[in-house]
């Protein structure tokens, strides 16, 4: 009688869409917002667009958009060419970093999880400083979301490392079963 071939243990499949992928979408959403901001900054050099924005805001003298548009245009018009260039470079660099994080997280790469932890955690003190000097609910939300992302990814990476270690011990040093 022939014996059945030994079947290696099957690992459970990774979740189709989990919290890591939700974080990836959050990071990729930031990329989209930053690219739109960079595009808008390029378009603001056109006098016709600035004029249209001012006339649009003037039609809404009581609305929040009036204050935001006029304050934003006043701030932007006060920047020198070198400051505008620096703003553009910083915006595109942040977009590139968030794109690397988002794509790496979407592909479930461990290096992307650590990169996201390091970069997000390093920005929390700056966000707290900004929150202290100019508090509002949006900034509170950003700090809380980023702190939760850091905590979850640290837990996730450690849990994955422990499960990889257990799997390696069970399968033995040569990849065979013990």
C-alpha atoms as a PDB file:
ATOM      1  CA  UNK A   1       0.000   0.000   0.000  1.00  0.00           C
ATOM      2  CA  UNK A   2       1.233   3.397  -0.883  1.00  0.00           C
ATOM      3  CA  UNK A   3       1.261   6.097   1.729  1.00  0.00           C
ATOM      4  CA  UNK A   4      -0.136   9.511   1.006  1.00  0.00           C
ATOM      5  CA  UNK A   5       2.463  12.201   0.453  1.00  0.00           C
ATOM      6  CA  UNK A   6       3.040  14.510   3.362  1.00  0.00           C
ATOM      7  CA  UNK A   7       1.224  17.793   2.892  1.00  0.00           C
ATOM      8  CA  UNK A   8       2.942  20.841   4.377  1.00  0.00           C
ATOM      9  CA  UNK A   9       0.852  22.956   6.751  1.00  0.00           C
ATOM     10  CA  UNK A  10      -0.993  25.748   5.045  1.00  0.00           C
ATOM     11  CA  UNK A  11      -0.820  29.222   6.518  1.00  0.00           C
ATOM     12  CA  UNK A  12      -4.086  31.129   6.699  1.00  0.00           C
ATOM     13  CA  UNK A  13      -4.377  33.657   3.877  1.00  0.00           C
ATOM     14  CA  UNK A  14      -3.733  37.296   4.634  1.00  0.00           C
ATOM     15  CA  UNK A  15      -6.887  39.383   5.012  1.00  0.00           C
ATOM     16  CA  UNK A  16      -8.106  40.783   1.715  1.00  0.00           C
ATOM     17  CA  UNK A  17      -8.451  44.281   3.068  1.00  0.00           C
ATOM     18  CA  UNK A  18      -7.209  45.103   6.523  1.00  0.00           C
ATOM     19  CA  UNK A  19      -6.202  48.045   8.612  1.00  0.00           C
ATOM     20  CA  UNK A  20      -2.753  48.212   6.977  1.00  0.00           C
ATOM     21  CA  UNK A  21      -4.400  48.721   3.602  1.00  0.00           C
ATOM     22  CA  UNK A  22      -6.707  51.361   5.095  1.00  0.00           C
ATOM     23  CA  UNK A  23      -3.596  53.190   6.345  1.00  0.00           C
ATOM     24  CA  UNK A  24      -2.127  52.826   2.841  1.00  0.00           C
ATOM     25  CA  UNK A  25      -5.228  54.505   1.379  1.00  0.00           C
ATOM     26  CA  UNK A  26      -4.935  57.291   3.975  1.00  0.00           C
ATOM     27  CA  UNK A  27      -1.311  57.882   2.920  1.00  0.00           C
ATOM     28  CA  UNK A  28      -2.210  57.774  -0.784  1.00  0.00           C
ATOM     29  CA  UNK A  29      -5.043  60.229  -0.113  1.00  0.00           C
ATOM     30  CA  UNK A  30      -2.467  62.594   1.369  1.00  0.00           C
ATOM     31  CA  UNK A  31      -0.427  62.191  -1.830  1.00  0.00           C
ATOM     32  CA  UNK A  32      -3.415  63.247  -3.902  1.00  0.00           C
ATOM     33  CA  UNK A  33      -4.056  66.289  -1.699  1.00  0.00           C
ATOM     34  CA  UNK A  34      -0.392  67.349  -1.837  1.00  0.00           C
ATOM     35  CA  UNK A  35      -0.237  66.954  -5.620  1.00  0.00           C
ATOM     36  CA  UNK A  36      -3.415  69.003  -5.976  1.00  0.00           C
ATOM     37  CA  UNK A  37      -1.879  71.662  -3.700  1.00  0.00           C
ATOM     38  CA  UNK A  38       1.287  71.726  -5.829  1.00  0.00           C
ATOM     39  CA  UNK A  39      -0.819  72.042  -8.979  1.00  0.00           C
ATOM     40  CA  UNK A  40      -2.880  74.822  -7.390  1.00  0.00           C
ATOM     41  CA  UNK A  41       0.290  76.633  -6.394  1.00  0.00           C
ATOM     42  CA  UNK A  42       1.487  76.521 -10.000  1.00  0.00           C
ATOM     43  CA  UNK A  43      -1.856  77.841 -11.225  1.00  0.00           C
ATOM     44  CA  UNK A  44      -1.887  80.698  -8.687  1.00  0.00           C
ATOM     45  CA  UNK A  45       0.888  82.357 -10.676  1.00  0.00           C
ATOM     46  CA  UNK A  46      -1.755  83.147 -13.282  1.00  0.00           C
ATOM     47  CA  UNK A  47      -3.301  86.517 -12.452  1.00  0.00           C
ATOM     48  CA  UNK A  48      -6.633  85.490 -13.991  1.00  0.00           C
ATOM     49  CA  UNK A  49      -7.065  82.603 -11.527  1.00  0.00           C
ATOM     50  CA  UNK A  50      -6.274  84.825  -8.538  1.00  0.00           C
ATOM     51  CA  UNK A  51      -8.774  87.387  -9.804  1.00  0.00           C
ATOM     52  CA  UNK A  52     -11.466  84.734 -10.282  1.00  0.00           C
ATOM     53  CA  UNK A  53     -10.871  83.397  -6.753  1.00  0.00           C
ATOM     54  CA  UNK A  54     -11.141  86.897  -5.282  1.00  0.00           C
ATOM     55  CA  UNK A  55     -14.365  87.631  -7.172  1.00  0.00           C
ATOM     56  CA  UNK A  56     -15.792  84.253  -6.115  1.00  0.00           C
ATOM     57  CA  UNK A  57     -14.954  84.997  -2.458  1.00  0.00           C
ATOM     58  CA  UNK A  58     -16.400  88.528  -2.775  1.00  0.00           C
ATOM     59  CA  UNK A  59     -19.742  87.024  -3.779  1.00  0.00           C
ATOM     60  CA  UNK A  60     -19.802  85.210  -0.417  1.00  0.00           C
ATOM     61  CA  UNK A  61     -18.926  87.955   2.085  1.00  0.00           C
ATOM     62  CA  UNK A  62     -20.432  86.144   5.072  1.00  0.00           C
ATOM     63  CA  UNK A  63     -19.111  82.647   4.365  1.00  0.00           C
ATOM     64  CA  UNK A  64     -16.112  80.875   5.785  1.00  0.00           C
ATOM     65  CA  UNK A  65     -14.776  80.395   2.248  1.00  0.00           C
ATOM     66  CA  UNK A  66     -14.464  84.192   1.862  1.00  0.00           C
ATOM     67  CA  UNK A  67     -12.139  84.401   4.841  1.00  0.00           C
ATOM     68  CA  UNK A  68     -10.138  81.322   3.840  1.00  0.00           C
ATOM     69  CA  UNK A  69      -9.646  82.365   0.221  1.00  0.00           C
ATOM     70  CA  UNK A  70      -8.705  85.969   0.991  1.00  0.00           C
ATOM     71  CA  UNK A  71      -6.357  84.940   3.808  1.00  0.00           C
ATOM     72  CA  UNK A  72      -4.766  82.235   1.636  1.00  0.00           C
ATOM     73  CA  UNK A  73      -4.256  84.578  -1.321  1.00  0.00           C
ATOM     74  CA  UNK A  74      -2.859  87.314   0.928  1.00  0.00           C
ATOM     75  CA  UNK A  75      -0.413  84.830   2.460  1.00  0.00           C
ATOM     76  CA  UNK A  76       0.596  83.403  -0.917  1.00  0.00           C
ATOM     77  CA  UNK A  77       1.072  86.813  -2.528  1.00  0.00           C
ATOM     78  CA  UNK A  78       3.455  87.777   0.287  1.00  0.00           C
ATOM     79  CA  UNK A  79       5.876  84.950  -0.538  1.00  0.00           C
ATOM     80  CA  UNK A  80       9.072  85.563  -2.458  1.00  0.00           C
ATOM     81  CA  UNK A  81      10.026  83.424  -5.463  1.00  0.00           C
ATOM     82  CA  UNK A  82      12.545  81.470  -3.376  1.00  0.00           C
ATOM     83  CA  UNK A  83       9.914  80.790  -0.697  1.00  0.00           C
ATOM     84  CA  UNK A  84       7.448  79.628  -3.351  1.00  0.00           C
ATOM     85  CA  UNK A  85      10.105  77.324  -4.812  1.00  0.00           C
ATOM     86  CA  UNK A  86      10.909  75.929  -1.347  1.00  0.00           C
ATOM     87  CA  UNK A  87       7.192  75.373  -0.692  1.00  0.00           C
ATOM     88  CA  UNK A  88       6.874  73.500  -3.983  1.00  0.00           C
ATOM     89  CA  UNK A  89       9.910  71.298  -3.233  1.00  0.00           C
ATOM     90  CA  UNK A  90       8.707  70.469   0.292  1.00  0.00           C
ATOM     91  CA  UNK A  91       5.196  69.680  -0.969  1.00  0.00           C
ATOM     92  CA  UNK A  92       6.488  67.326  -3.662  1.00  0.00           C
ATOM     93  CA  UNK A  93       8.964  65.664  -1.247  1.00  0.00           C
ATOM     94  CA  UNK A  94       6.179  64.956   1.241  1.00  0.00           C
ATOM     95  CA  UNK A  95       4.053  63.595  -1.611  1.00  0.00           C
ATOM     96  CA  UNK A  96       6.901  61.273  -2.644  1.00  0.00           C
ATOM     97  CA  UNK A  97       7.418  60.013   0.920  1.00  0.00           C
ATOM     98  CA  UNK A  98       3.693  59.401   1.430  1.00  0.00           C
ATOM     99  CA  UNK A  99       3.533  57.623  -1.957  1.00  0.00           C
ATOM    100  CA  UNK A 100       6.383  55.294  -0.965  1.00  0.00           C
ATOM    101  CA  UNK A 101       4.688  54.605   2.373  1.00  0.00           C
ATOM    102  CA  UNK A 102       1.275  54.035   0.793  1.00  0.00           C
ATOM    103  CA  UNK A 103       2.459  51.739  -1.986  1.00  0.00           C
ATOM    104  CA  UNK A 104       4.686  49.765   0.388  1.00  0.00           C
ATOM    105  CA  UNK A 105       1.869  49.370   2.908  1.00  0.00           C
ATOM    106  CA  UNK A 106      -0.546  48.323   0.174  1.00  0.00           C
ATOM    107  CA  UNK A 107       1.947  45.623  -0.867  1.00  0.00           C
ATOM    108  CA  UNK A 108       2.290  44.607   2.822  1.00  0.00           C
ATOM    109  CA  UNK A 109       6.043  45.203   2.955  1.00  0.00           C
ATOM    110  CA  UNK A 110       7.579  45.209   6.414  1.00  0.00           C
ATOM    111  CA  UNK A 111      10.034  47.988   5.498  1.00  0.00           C
ATOM    112  CA  UNK A 112       7.053  50.214   4.639  1.00  0.00           C
ATOM    113  CA  UNK A 113       5.496  49.533   8.025  1.00  0.00           C
ATOM    114  CA  UNK A 114       8.709  50.568   9.784  1.00  0.00           C
ATOM    115  CA  UNK A 115       9.180  53.572   7.482  1.00  0.00           C
ATOM    116  CA  UNK A 116       5.634  54.714   8.270  1.00  0.00           C
ATOM    117  CA  UNK A 117       6.202  54.259  12.005  1.00  0.00           C
ATOM    118  CA  UNK A 118       9.443  56.265  11.934  1.00  0.00           C
ATOM    119  CA  UNK A 119       8.199  59.116   9.749  1.00  0.00           C
ATOM    120  CA  UNK A 120       4.757  59.410  11.352  1.00  0.00           C
ATOM    121  CA  UNK A 121       6.166  59.241  14.899  1.00  0.00           C
ATOM    122  CA  UNK A 122       8.817  61.849  14.070  1.00  0.00           C
ATOM    123  CA  UNK A 123       6.129  64.303  12.922  1.00  0.00           C
ATOM    124  CA  UNK A 124       3.910  63.950  16.017  1.00  0.00           C
ATOM    125  CA  UNK A 125       6.008  66.388  18.147  1.00  0.00           C
ATOM    126  CA  UNK A 126       5.691  69.016  15.414  1.00  0.00           C
ATOM    127  CA  UNK A 127       1.947  68.422  15.232  1.00  0.00           C
ATOM    128  CA  UNK A 128       1.669  68.735  19.023  1.00  0.00           C
ATOM    129  CA  UNK A 129       3.626  71.998  18.963  1.00  0.00           C
ATOM    130  CA  UNK A 130       1.326  73.328  16.236  1.00  0.00           C
ATOM    131  CA  UNK A 131      -1.716  72.149  18.213  1.00  0.00           C
ATOM    132  CA  UNK A 132      -0.455  73.922  21.337  1.00  0.00           C
ATOM    133  CA  UNK A 133       0.039  77.243  19.514  1.00  0.00           C
ATOM    134  CA  UNK A 134      -3.040  77.119  17.251  1.00  0.00           C
ATOM    135  CA  UNK A 135      -5.524  74.596  18.655  1.00  0.00           C
ATOM    136  CA  UNK A 136      -8.472  73.343  16.636  1.00  0.00           C
ATOM    137  CA  UNK A 137     -10.415  70.110  16.244  1.00  0.00           C
ATOM    138  CA  UNK A 138      -8.817  69.219  12.899  1.00  0.00           C
ATOM    139  CA  UNK A 139      -5.346  69.222  14.420  1.00  0.00           C
ATOM    140  CA  UNK A 140      -6.562  67.167  17.378  1.00  0.00           C
ATOM    141  CA  UNK A 141      -7.947  64.612  14.927  1.00  0.00           C
ATOM    142  CA  UNK A 142      -4.704  64.453  12.941  1.00  0.00           C
ATOM    143  CA  UNK A 143      -2.610  63.918  16.092  1.00  0.00           C
ATOM    144  CA  UNK A 144      -4.950  61.179  17.330  1.00  0.00           C
ATOM    145  CA  UNK A 145      -5.060  59.406  13.953  1.00  0.00           C
ATOM    146  CA  UNK A 146      -1.276  59.530  13.565  1.00  0.00           C
ATOM    147  CA  UNK A 147      -0.694  58.275  17.124  1.00  0.00           C
ATOM    148  CA  UNK A 148      -3.113  55.397  16.498  1.00  0.00           C
ATOM    149  CA  UNK A 149      -1.353  54.565  13.215  1.00  0.00           C
ATOM    150  CA  UNK A 150       2.028  54.438  14.958  1.00  0.00           C
ATOM    151  CA  UNK A 151       0.705  52.295  17.823  1.00  0.00           C
ATOM    152  CA  UNK A 152      -1.086  49.877  15.498  1.00  0.00           C
ATOM    153  CA  UNK A 153       1.857  49.457  13.119  1.00  0.00           C
ATOM    154  CA  UNK A 154       4.288  48.818  15.992  1.00  0.00           C
ATOM    155  CA  UNK A 155       1.906  46.161  17.346  1.00  0.00           C
ATOM    156  CA  UNK A 156       1.390  44.722  13.839  1.00  0.00           C
ATOM    157  CA  UNK A 157       5.103  44.470  13.027  1.00  0.00           C
ATOM    158  CA  UNK A 158       5.884  42.836  16.377  1.00  0.00           C
ATOM    159  CA  UNK A 159       3.009  40.360  16.044  1.00  0.00           C
ATOM    160  CA  UNK A 160       4.132  39.475  12.514  1.00  0.00           C
ATOM    161  CA  UNK A 161       7.723  39.035  13.653  1.00  0.00           C
ATOM    162  CA  UNK A 162       6.616  36.661  16.432  1.00  0.00           C
ATOM    163  CA  UNK A 163       4.427  34.630  14.049  1.00  0.00           C
ATOM    164  CA  UNK A 164       7.305  34.413  11.533  1.00  0.00           C
ATOM    165  CA  UNK A 165       9.586  33.203  14.321  1.00  0.00           C
ATOM    166  CA  UNK A 166       7.089  30.558  15.460  1.00  0.00           C
ATOM    167  CA  UNK A 167       6.609  29.396  11.855  1.00  0.00           C
ATOM    168  CA  UNK A 168      10.394  29.179  11.385  1.00  0.00           C
ATOM    169  CA  UNK A 169      10.825  27.141  14.587  1.00  0.00           C
ATOM    170  CA  UNK A 170       8.016  24.735  13.593  1.00  0.00           C
ATOM    171  CA  UNK A 171       9.353  24.220  10.069  1.00  0.00           C
ATOM    172  CA  UNK A 172      12.954  23.770  11.209  1.00  0.00           C
ATOM    173  CA  UNK A 173      16.164  25.332   9.979  1.00  0.00           C
ATOM    174  CA  UNK A 174      16.063  23.645   6.550  1.00  0.00           C
ATOM    175  CA  UNK A 175      12.422  24.464   5.867  1.00  0.00           C
ATOM    176  CA  UNK A 176      11.241  20.897   6.610  1.00  0.00           C
ATOM    177  CA  UNK A 177       8.925  19.893   9.423  1.00  0.00           C
ATOM    178  CA  UNK A 178      10.408  18.829  12.742  1.00  0.00           C
END
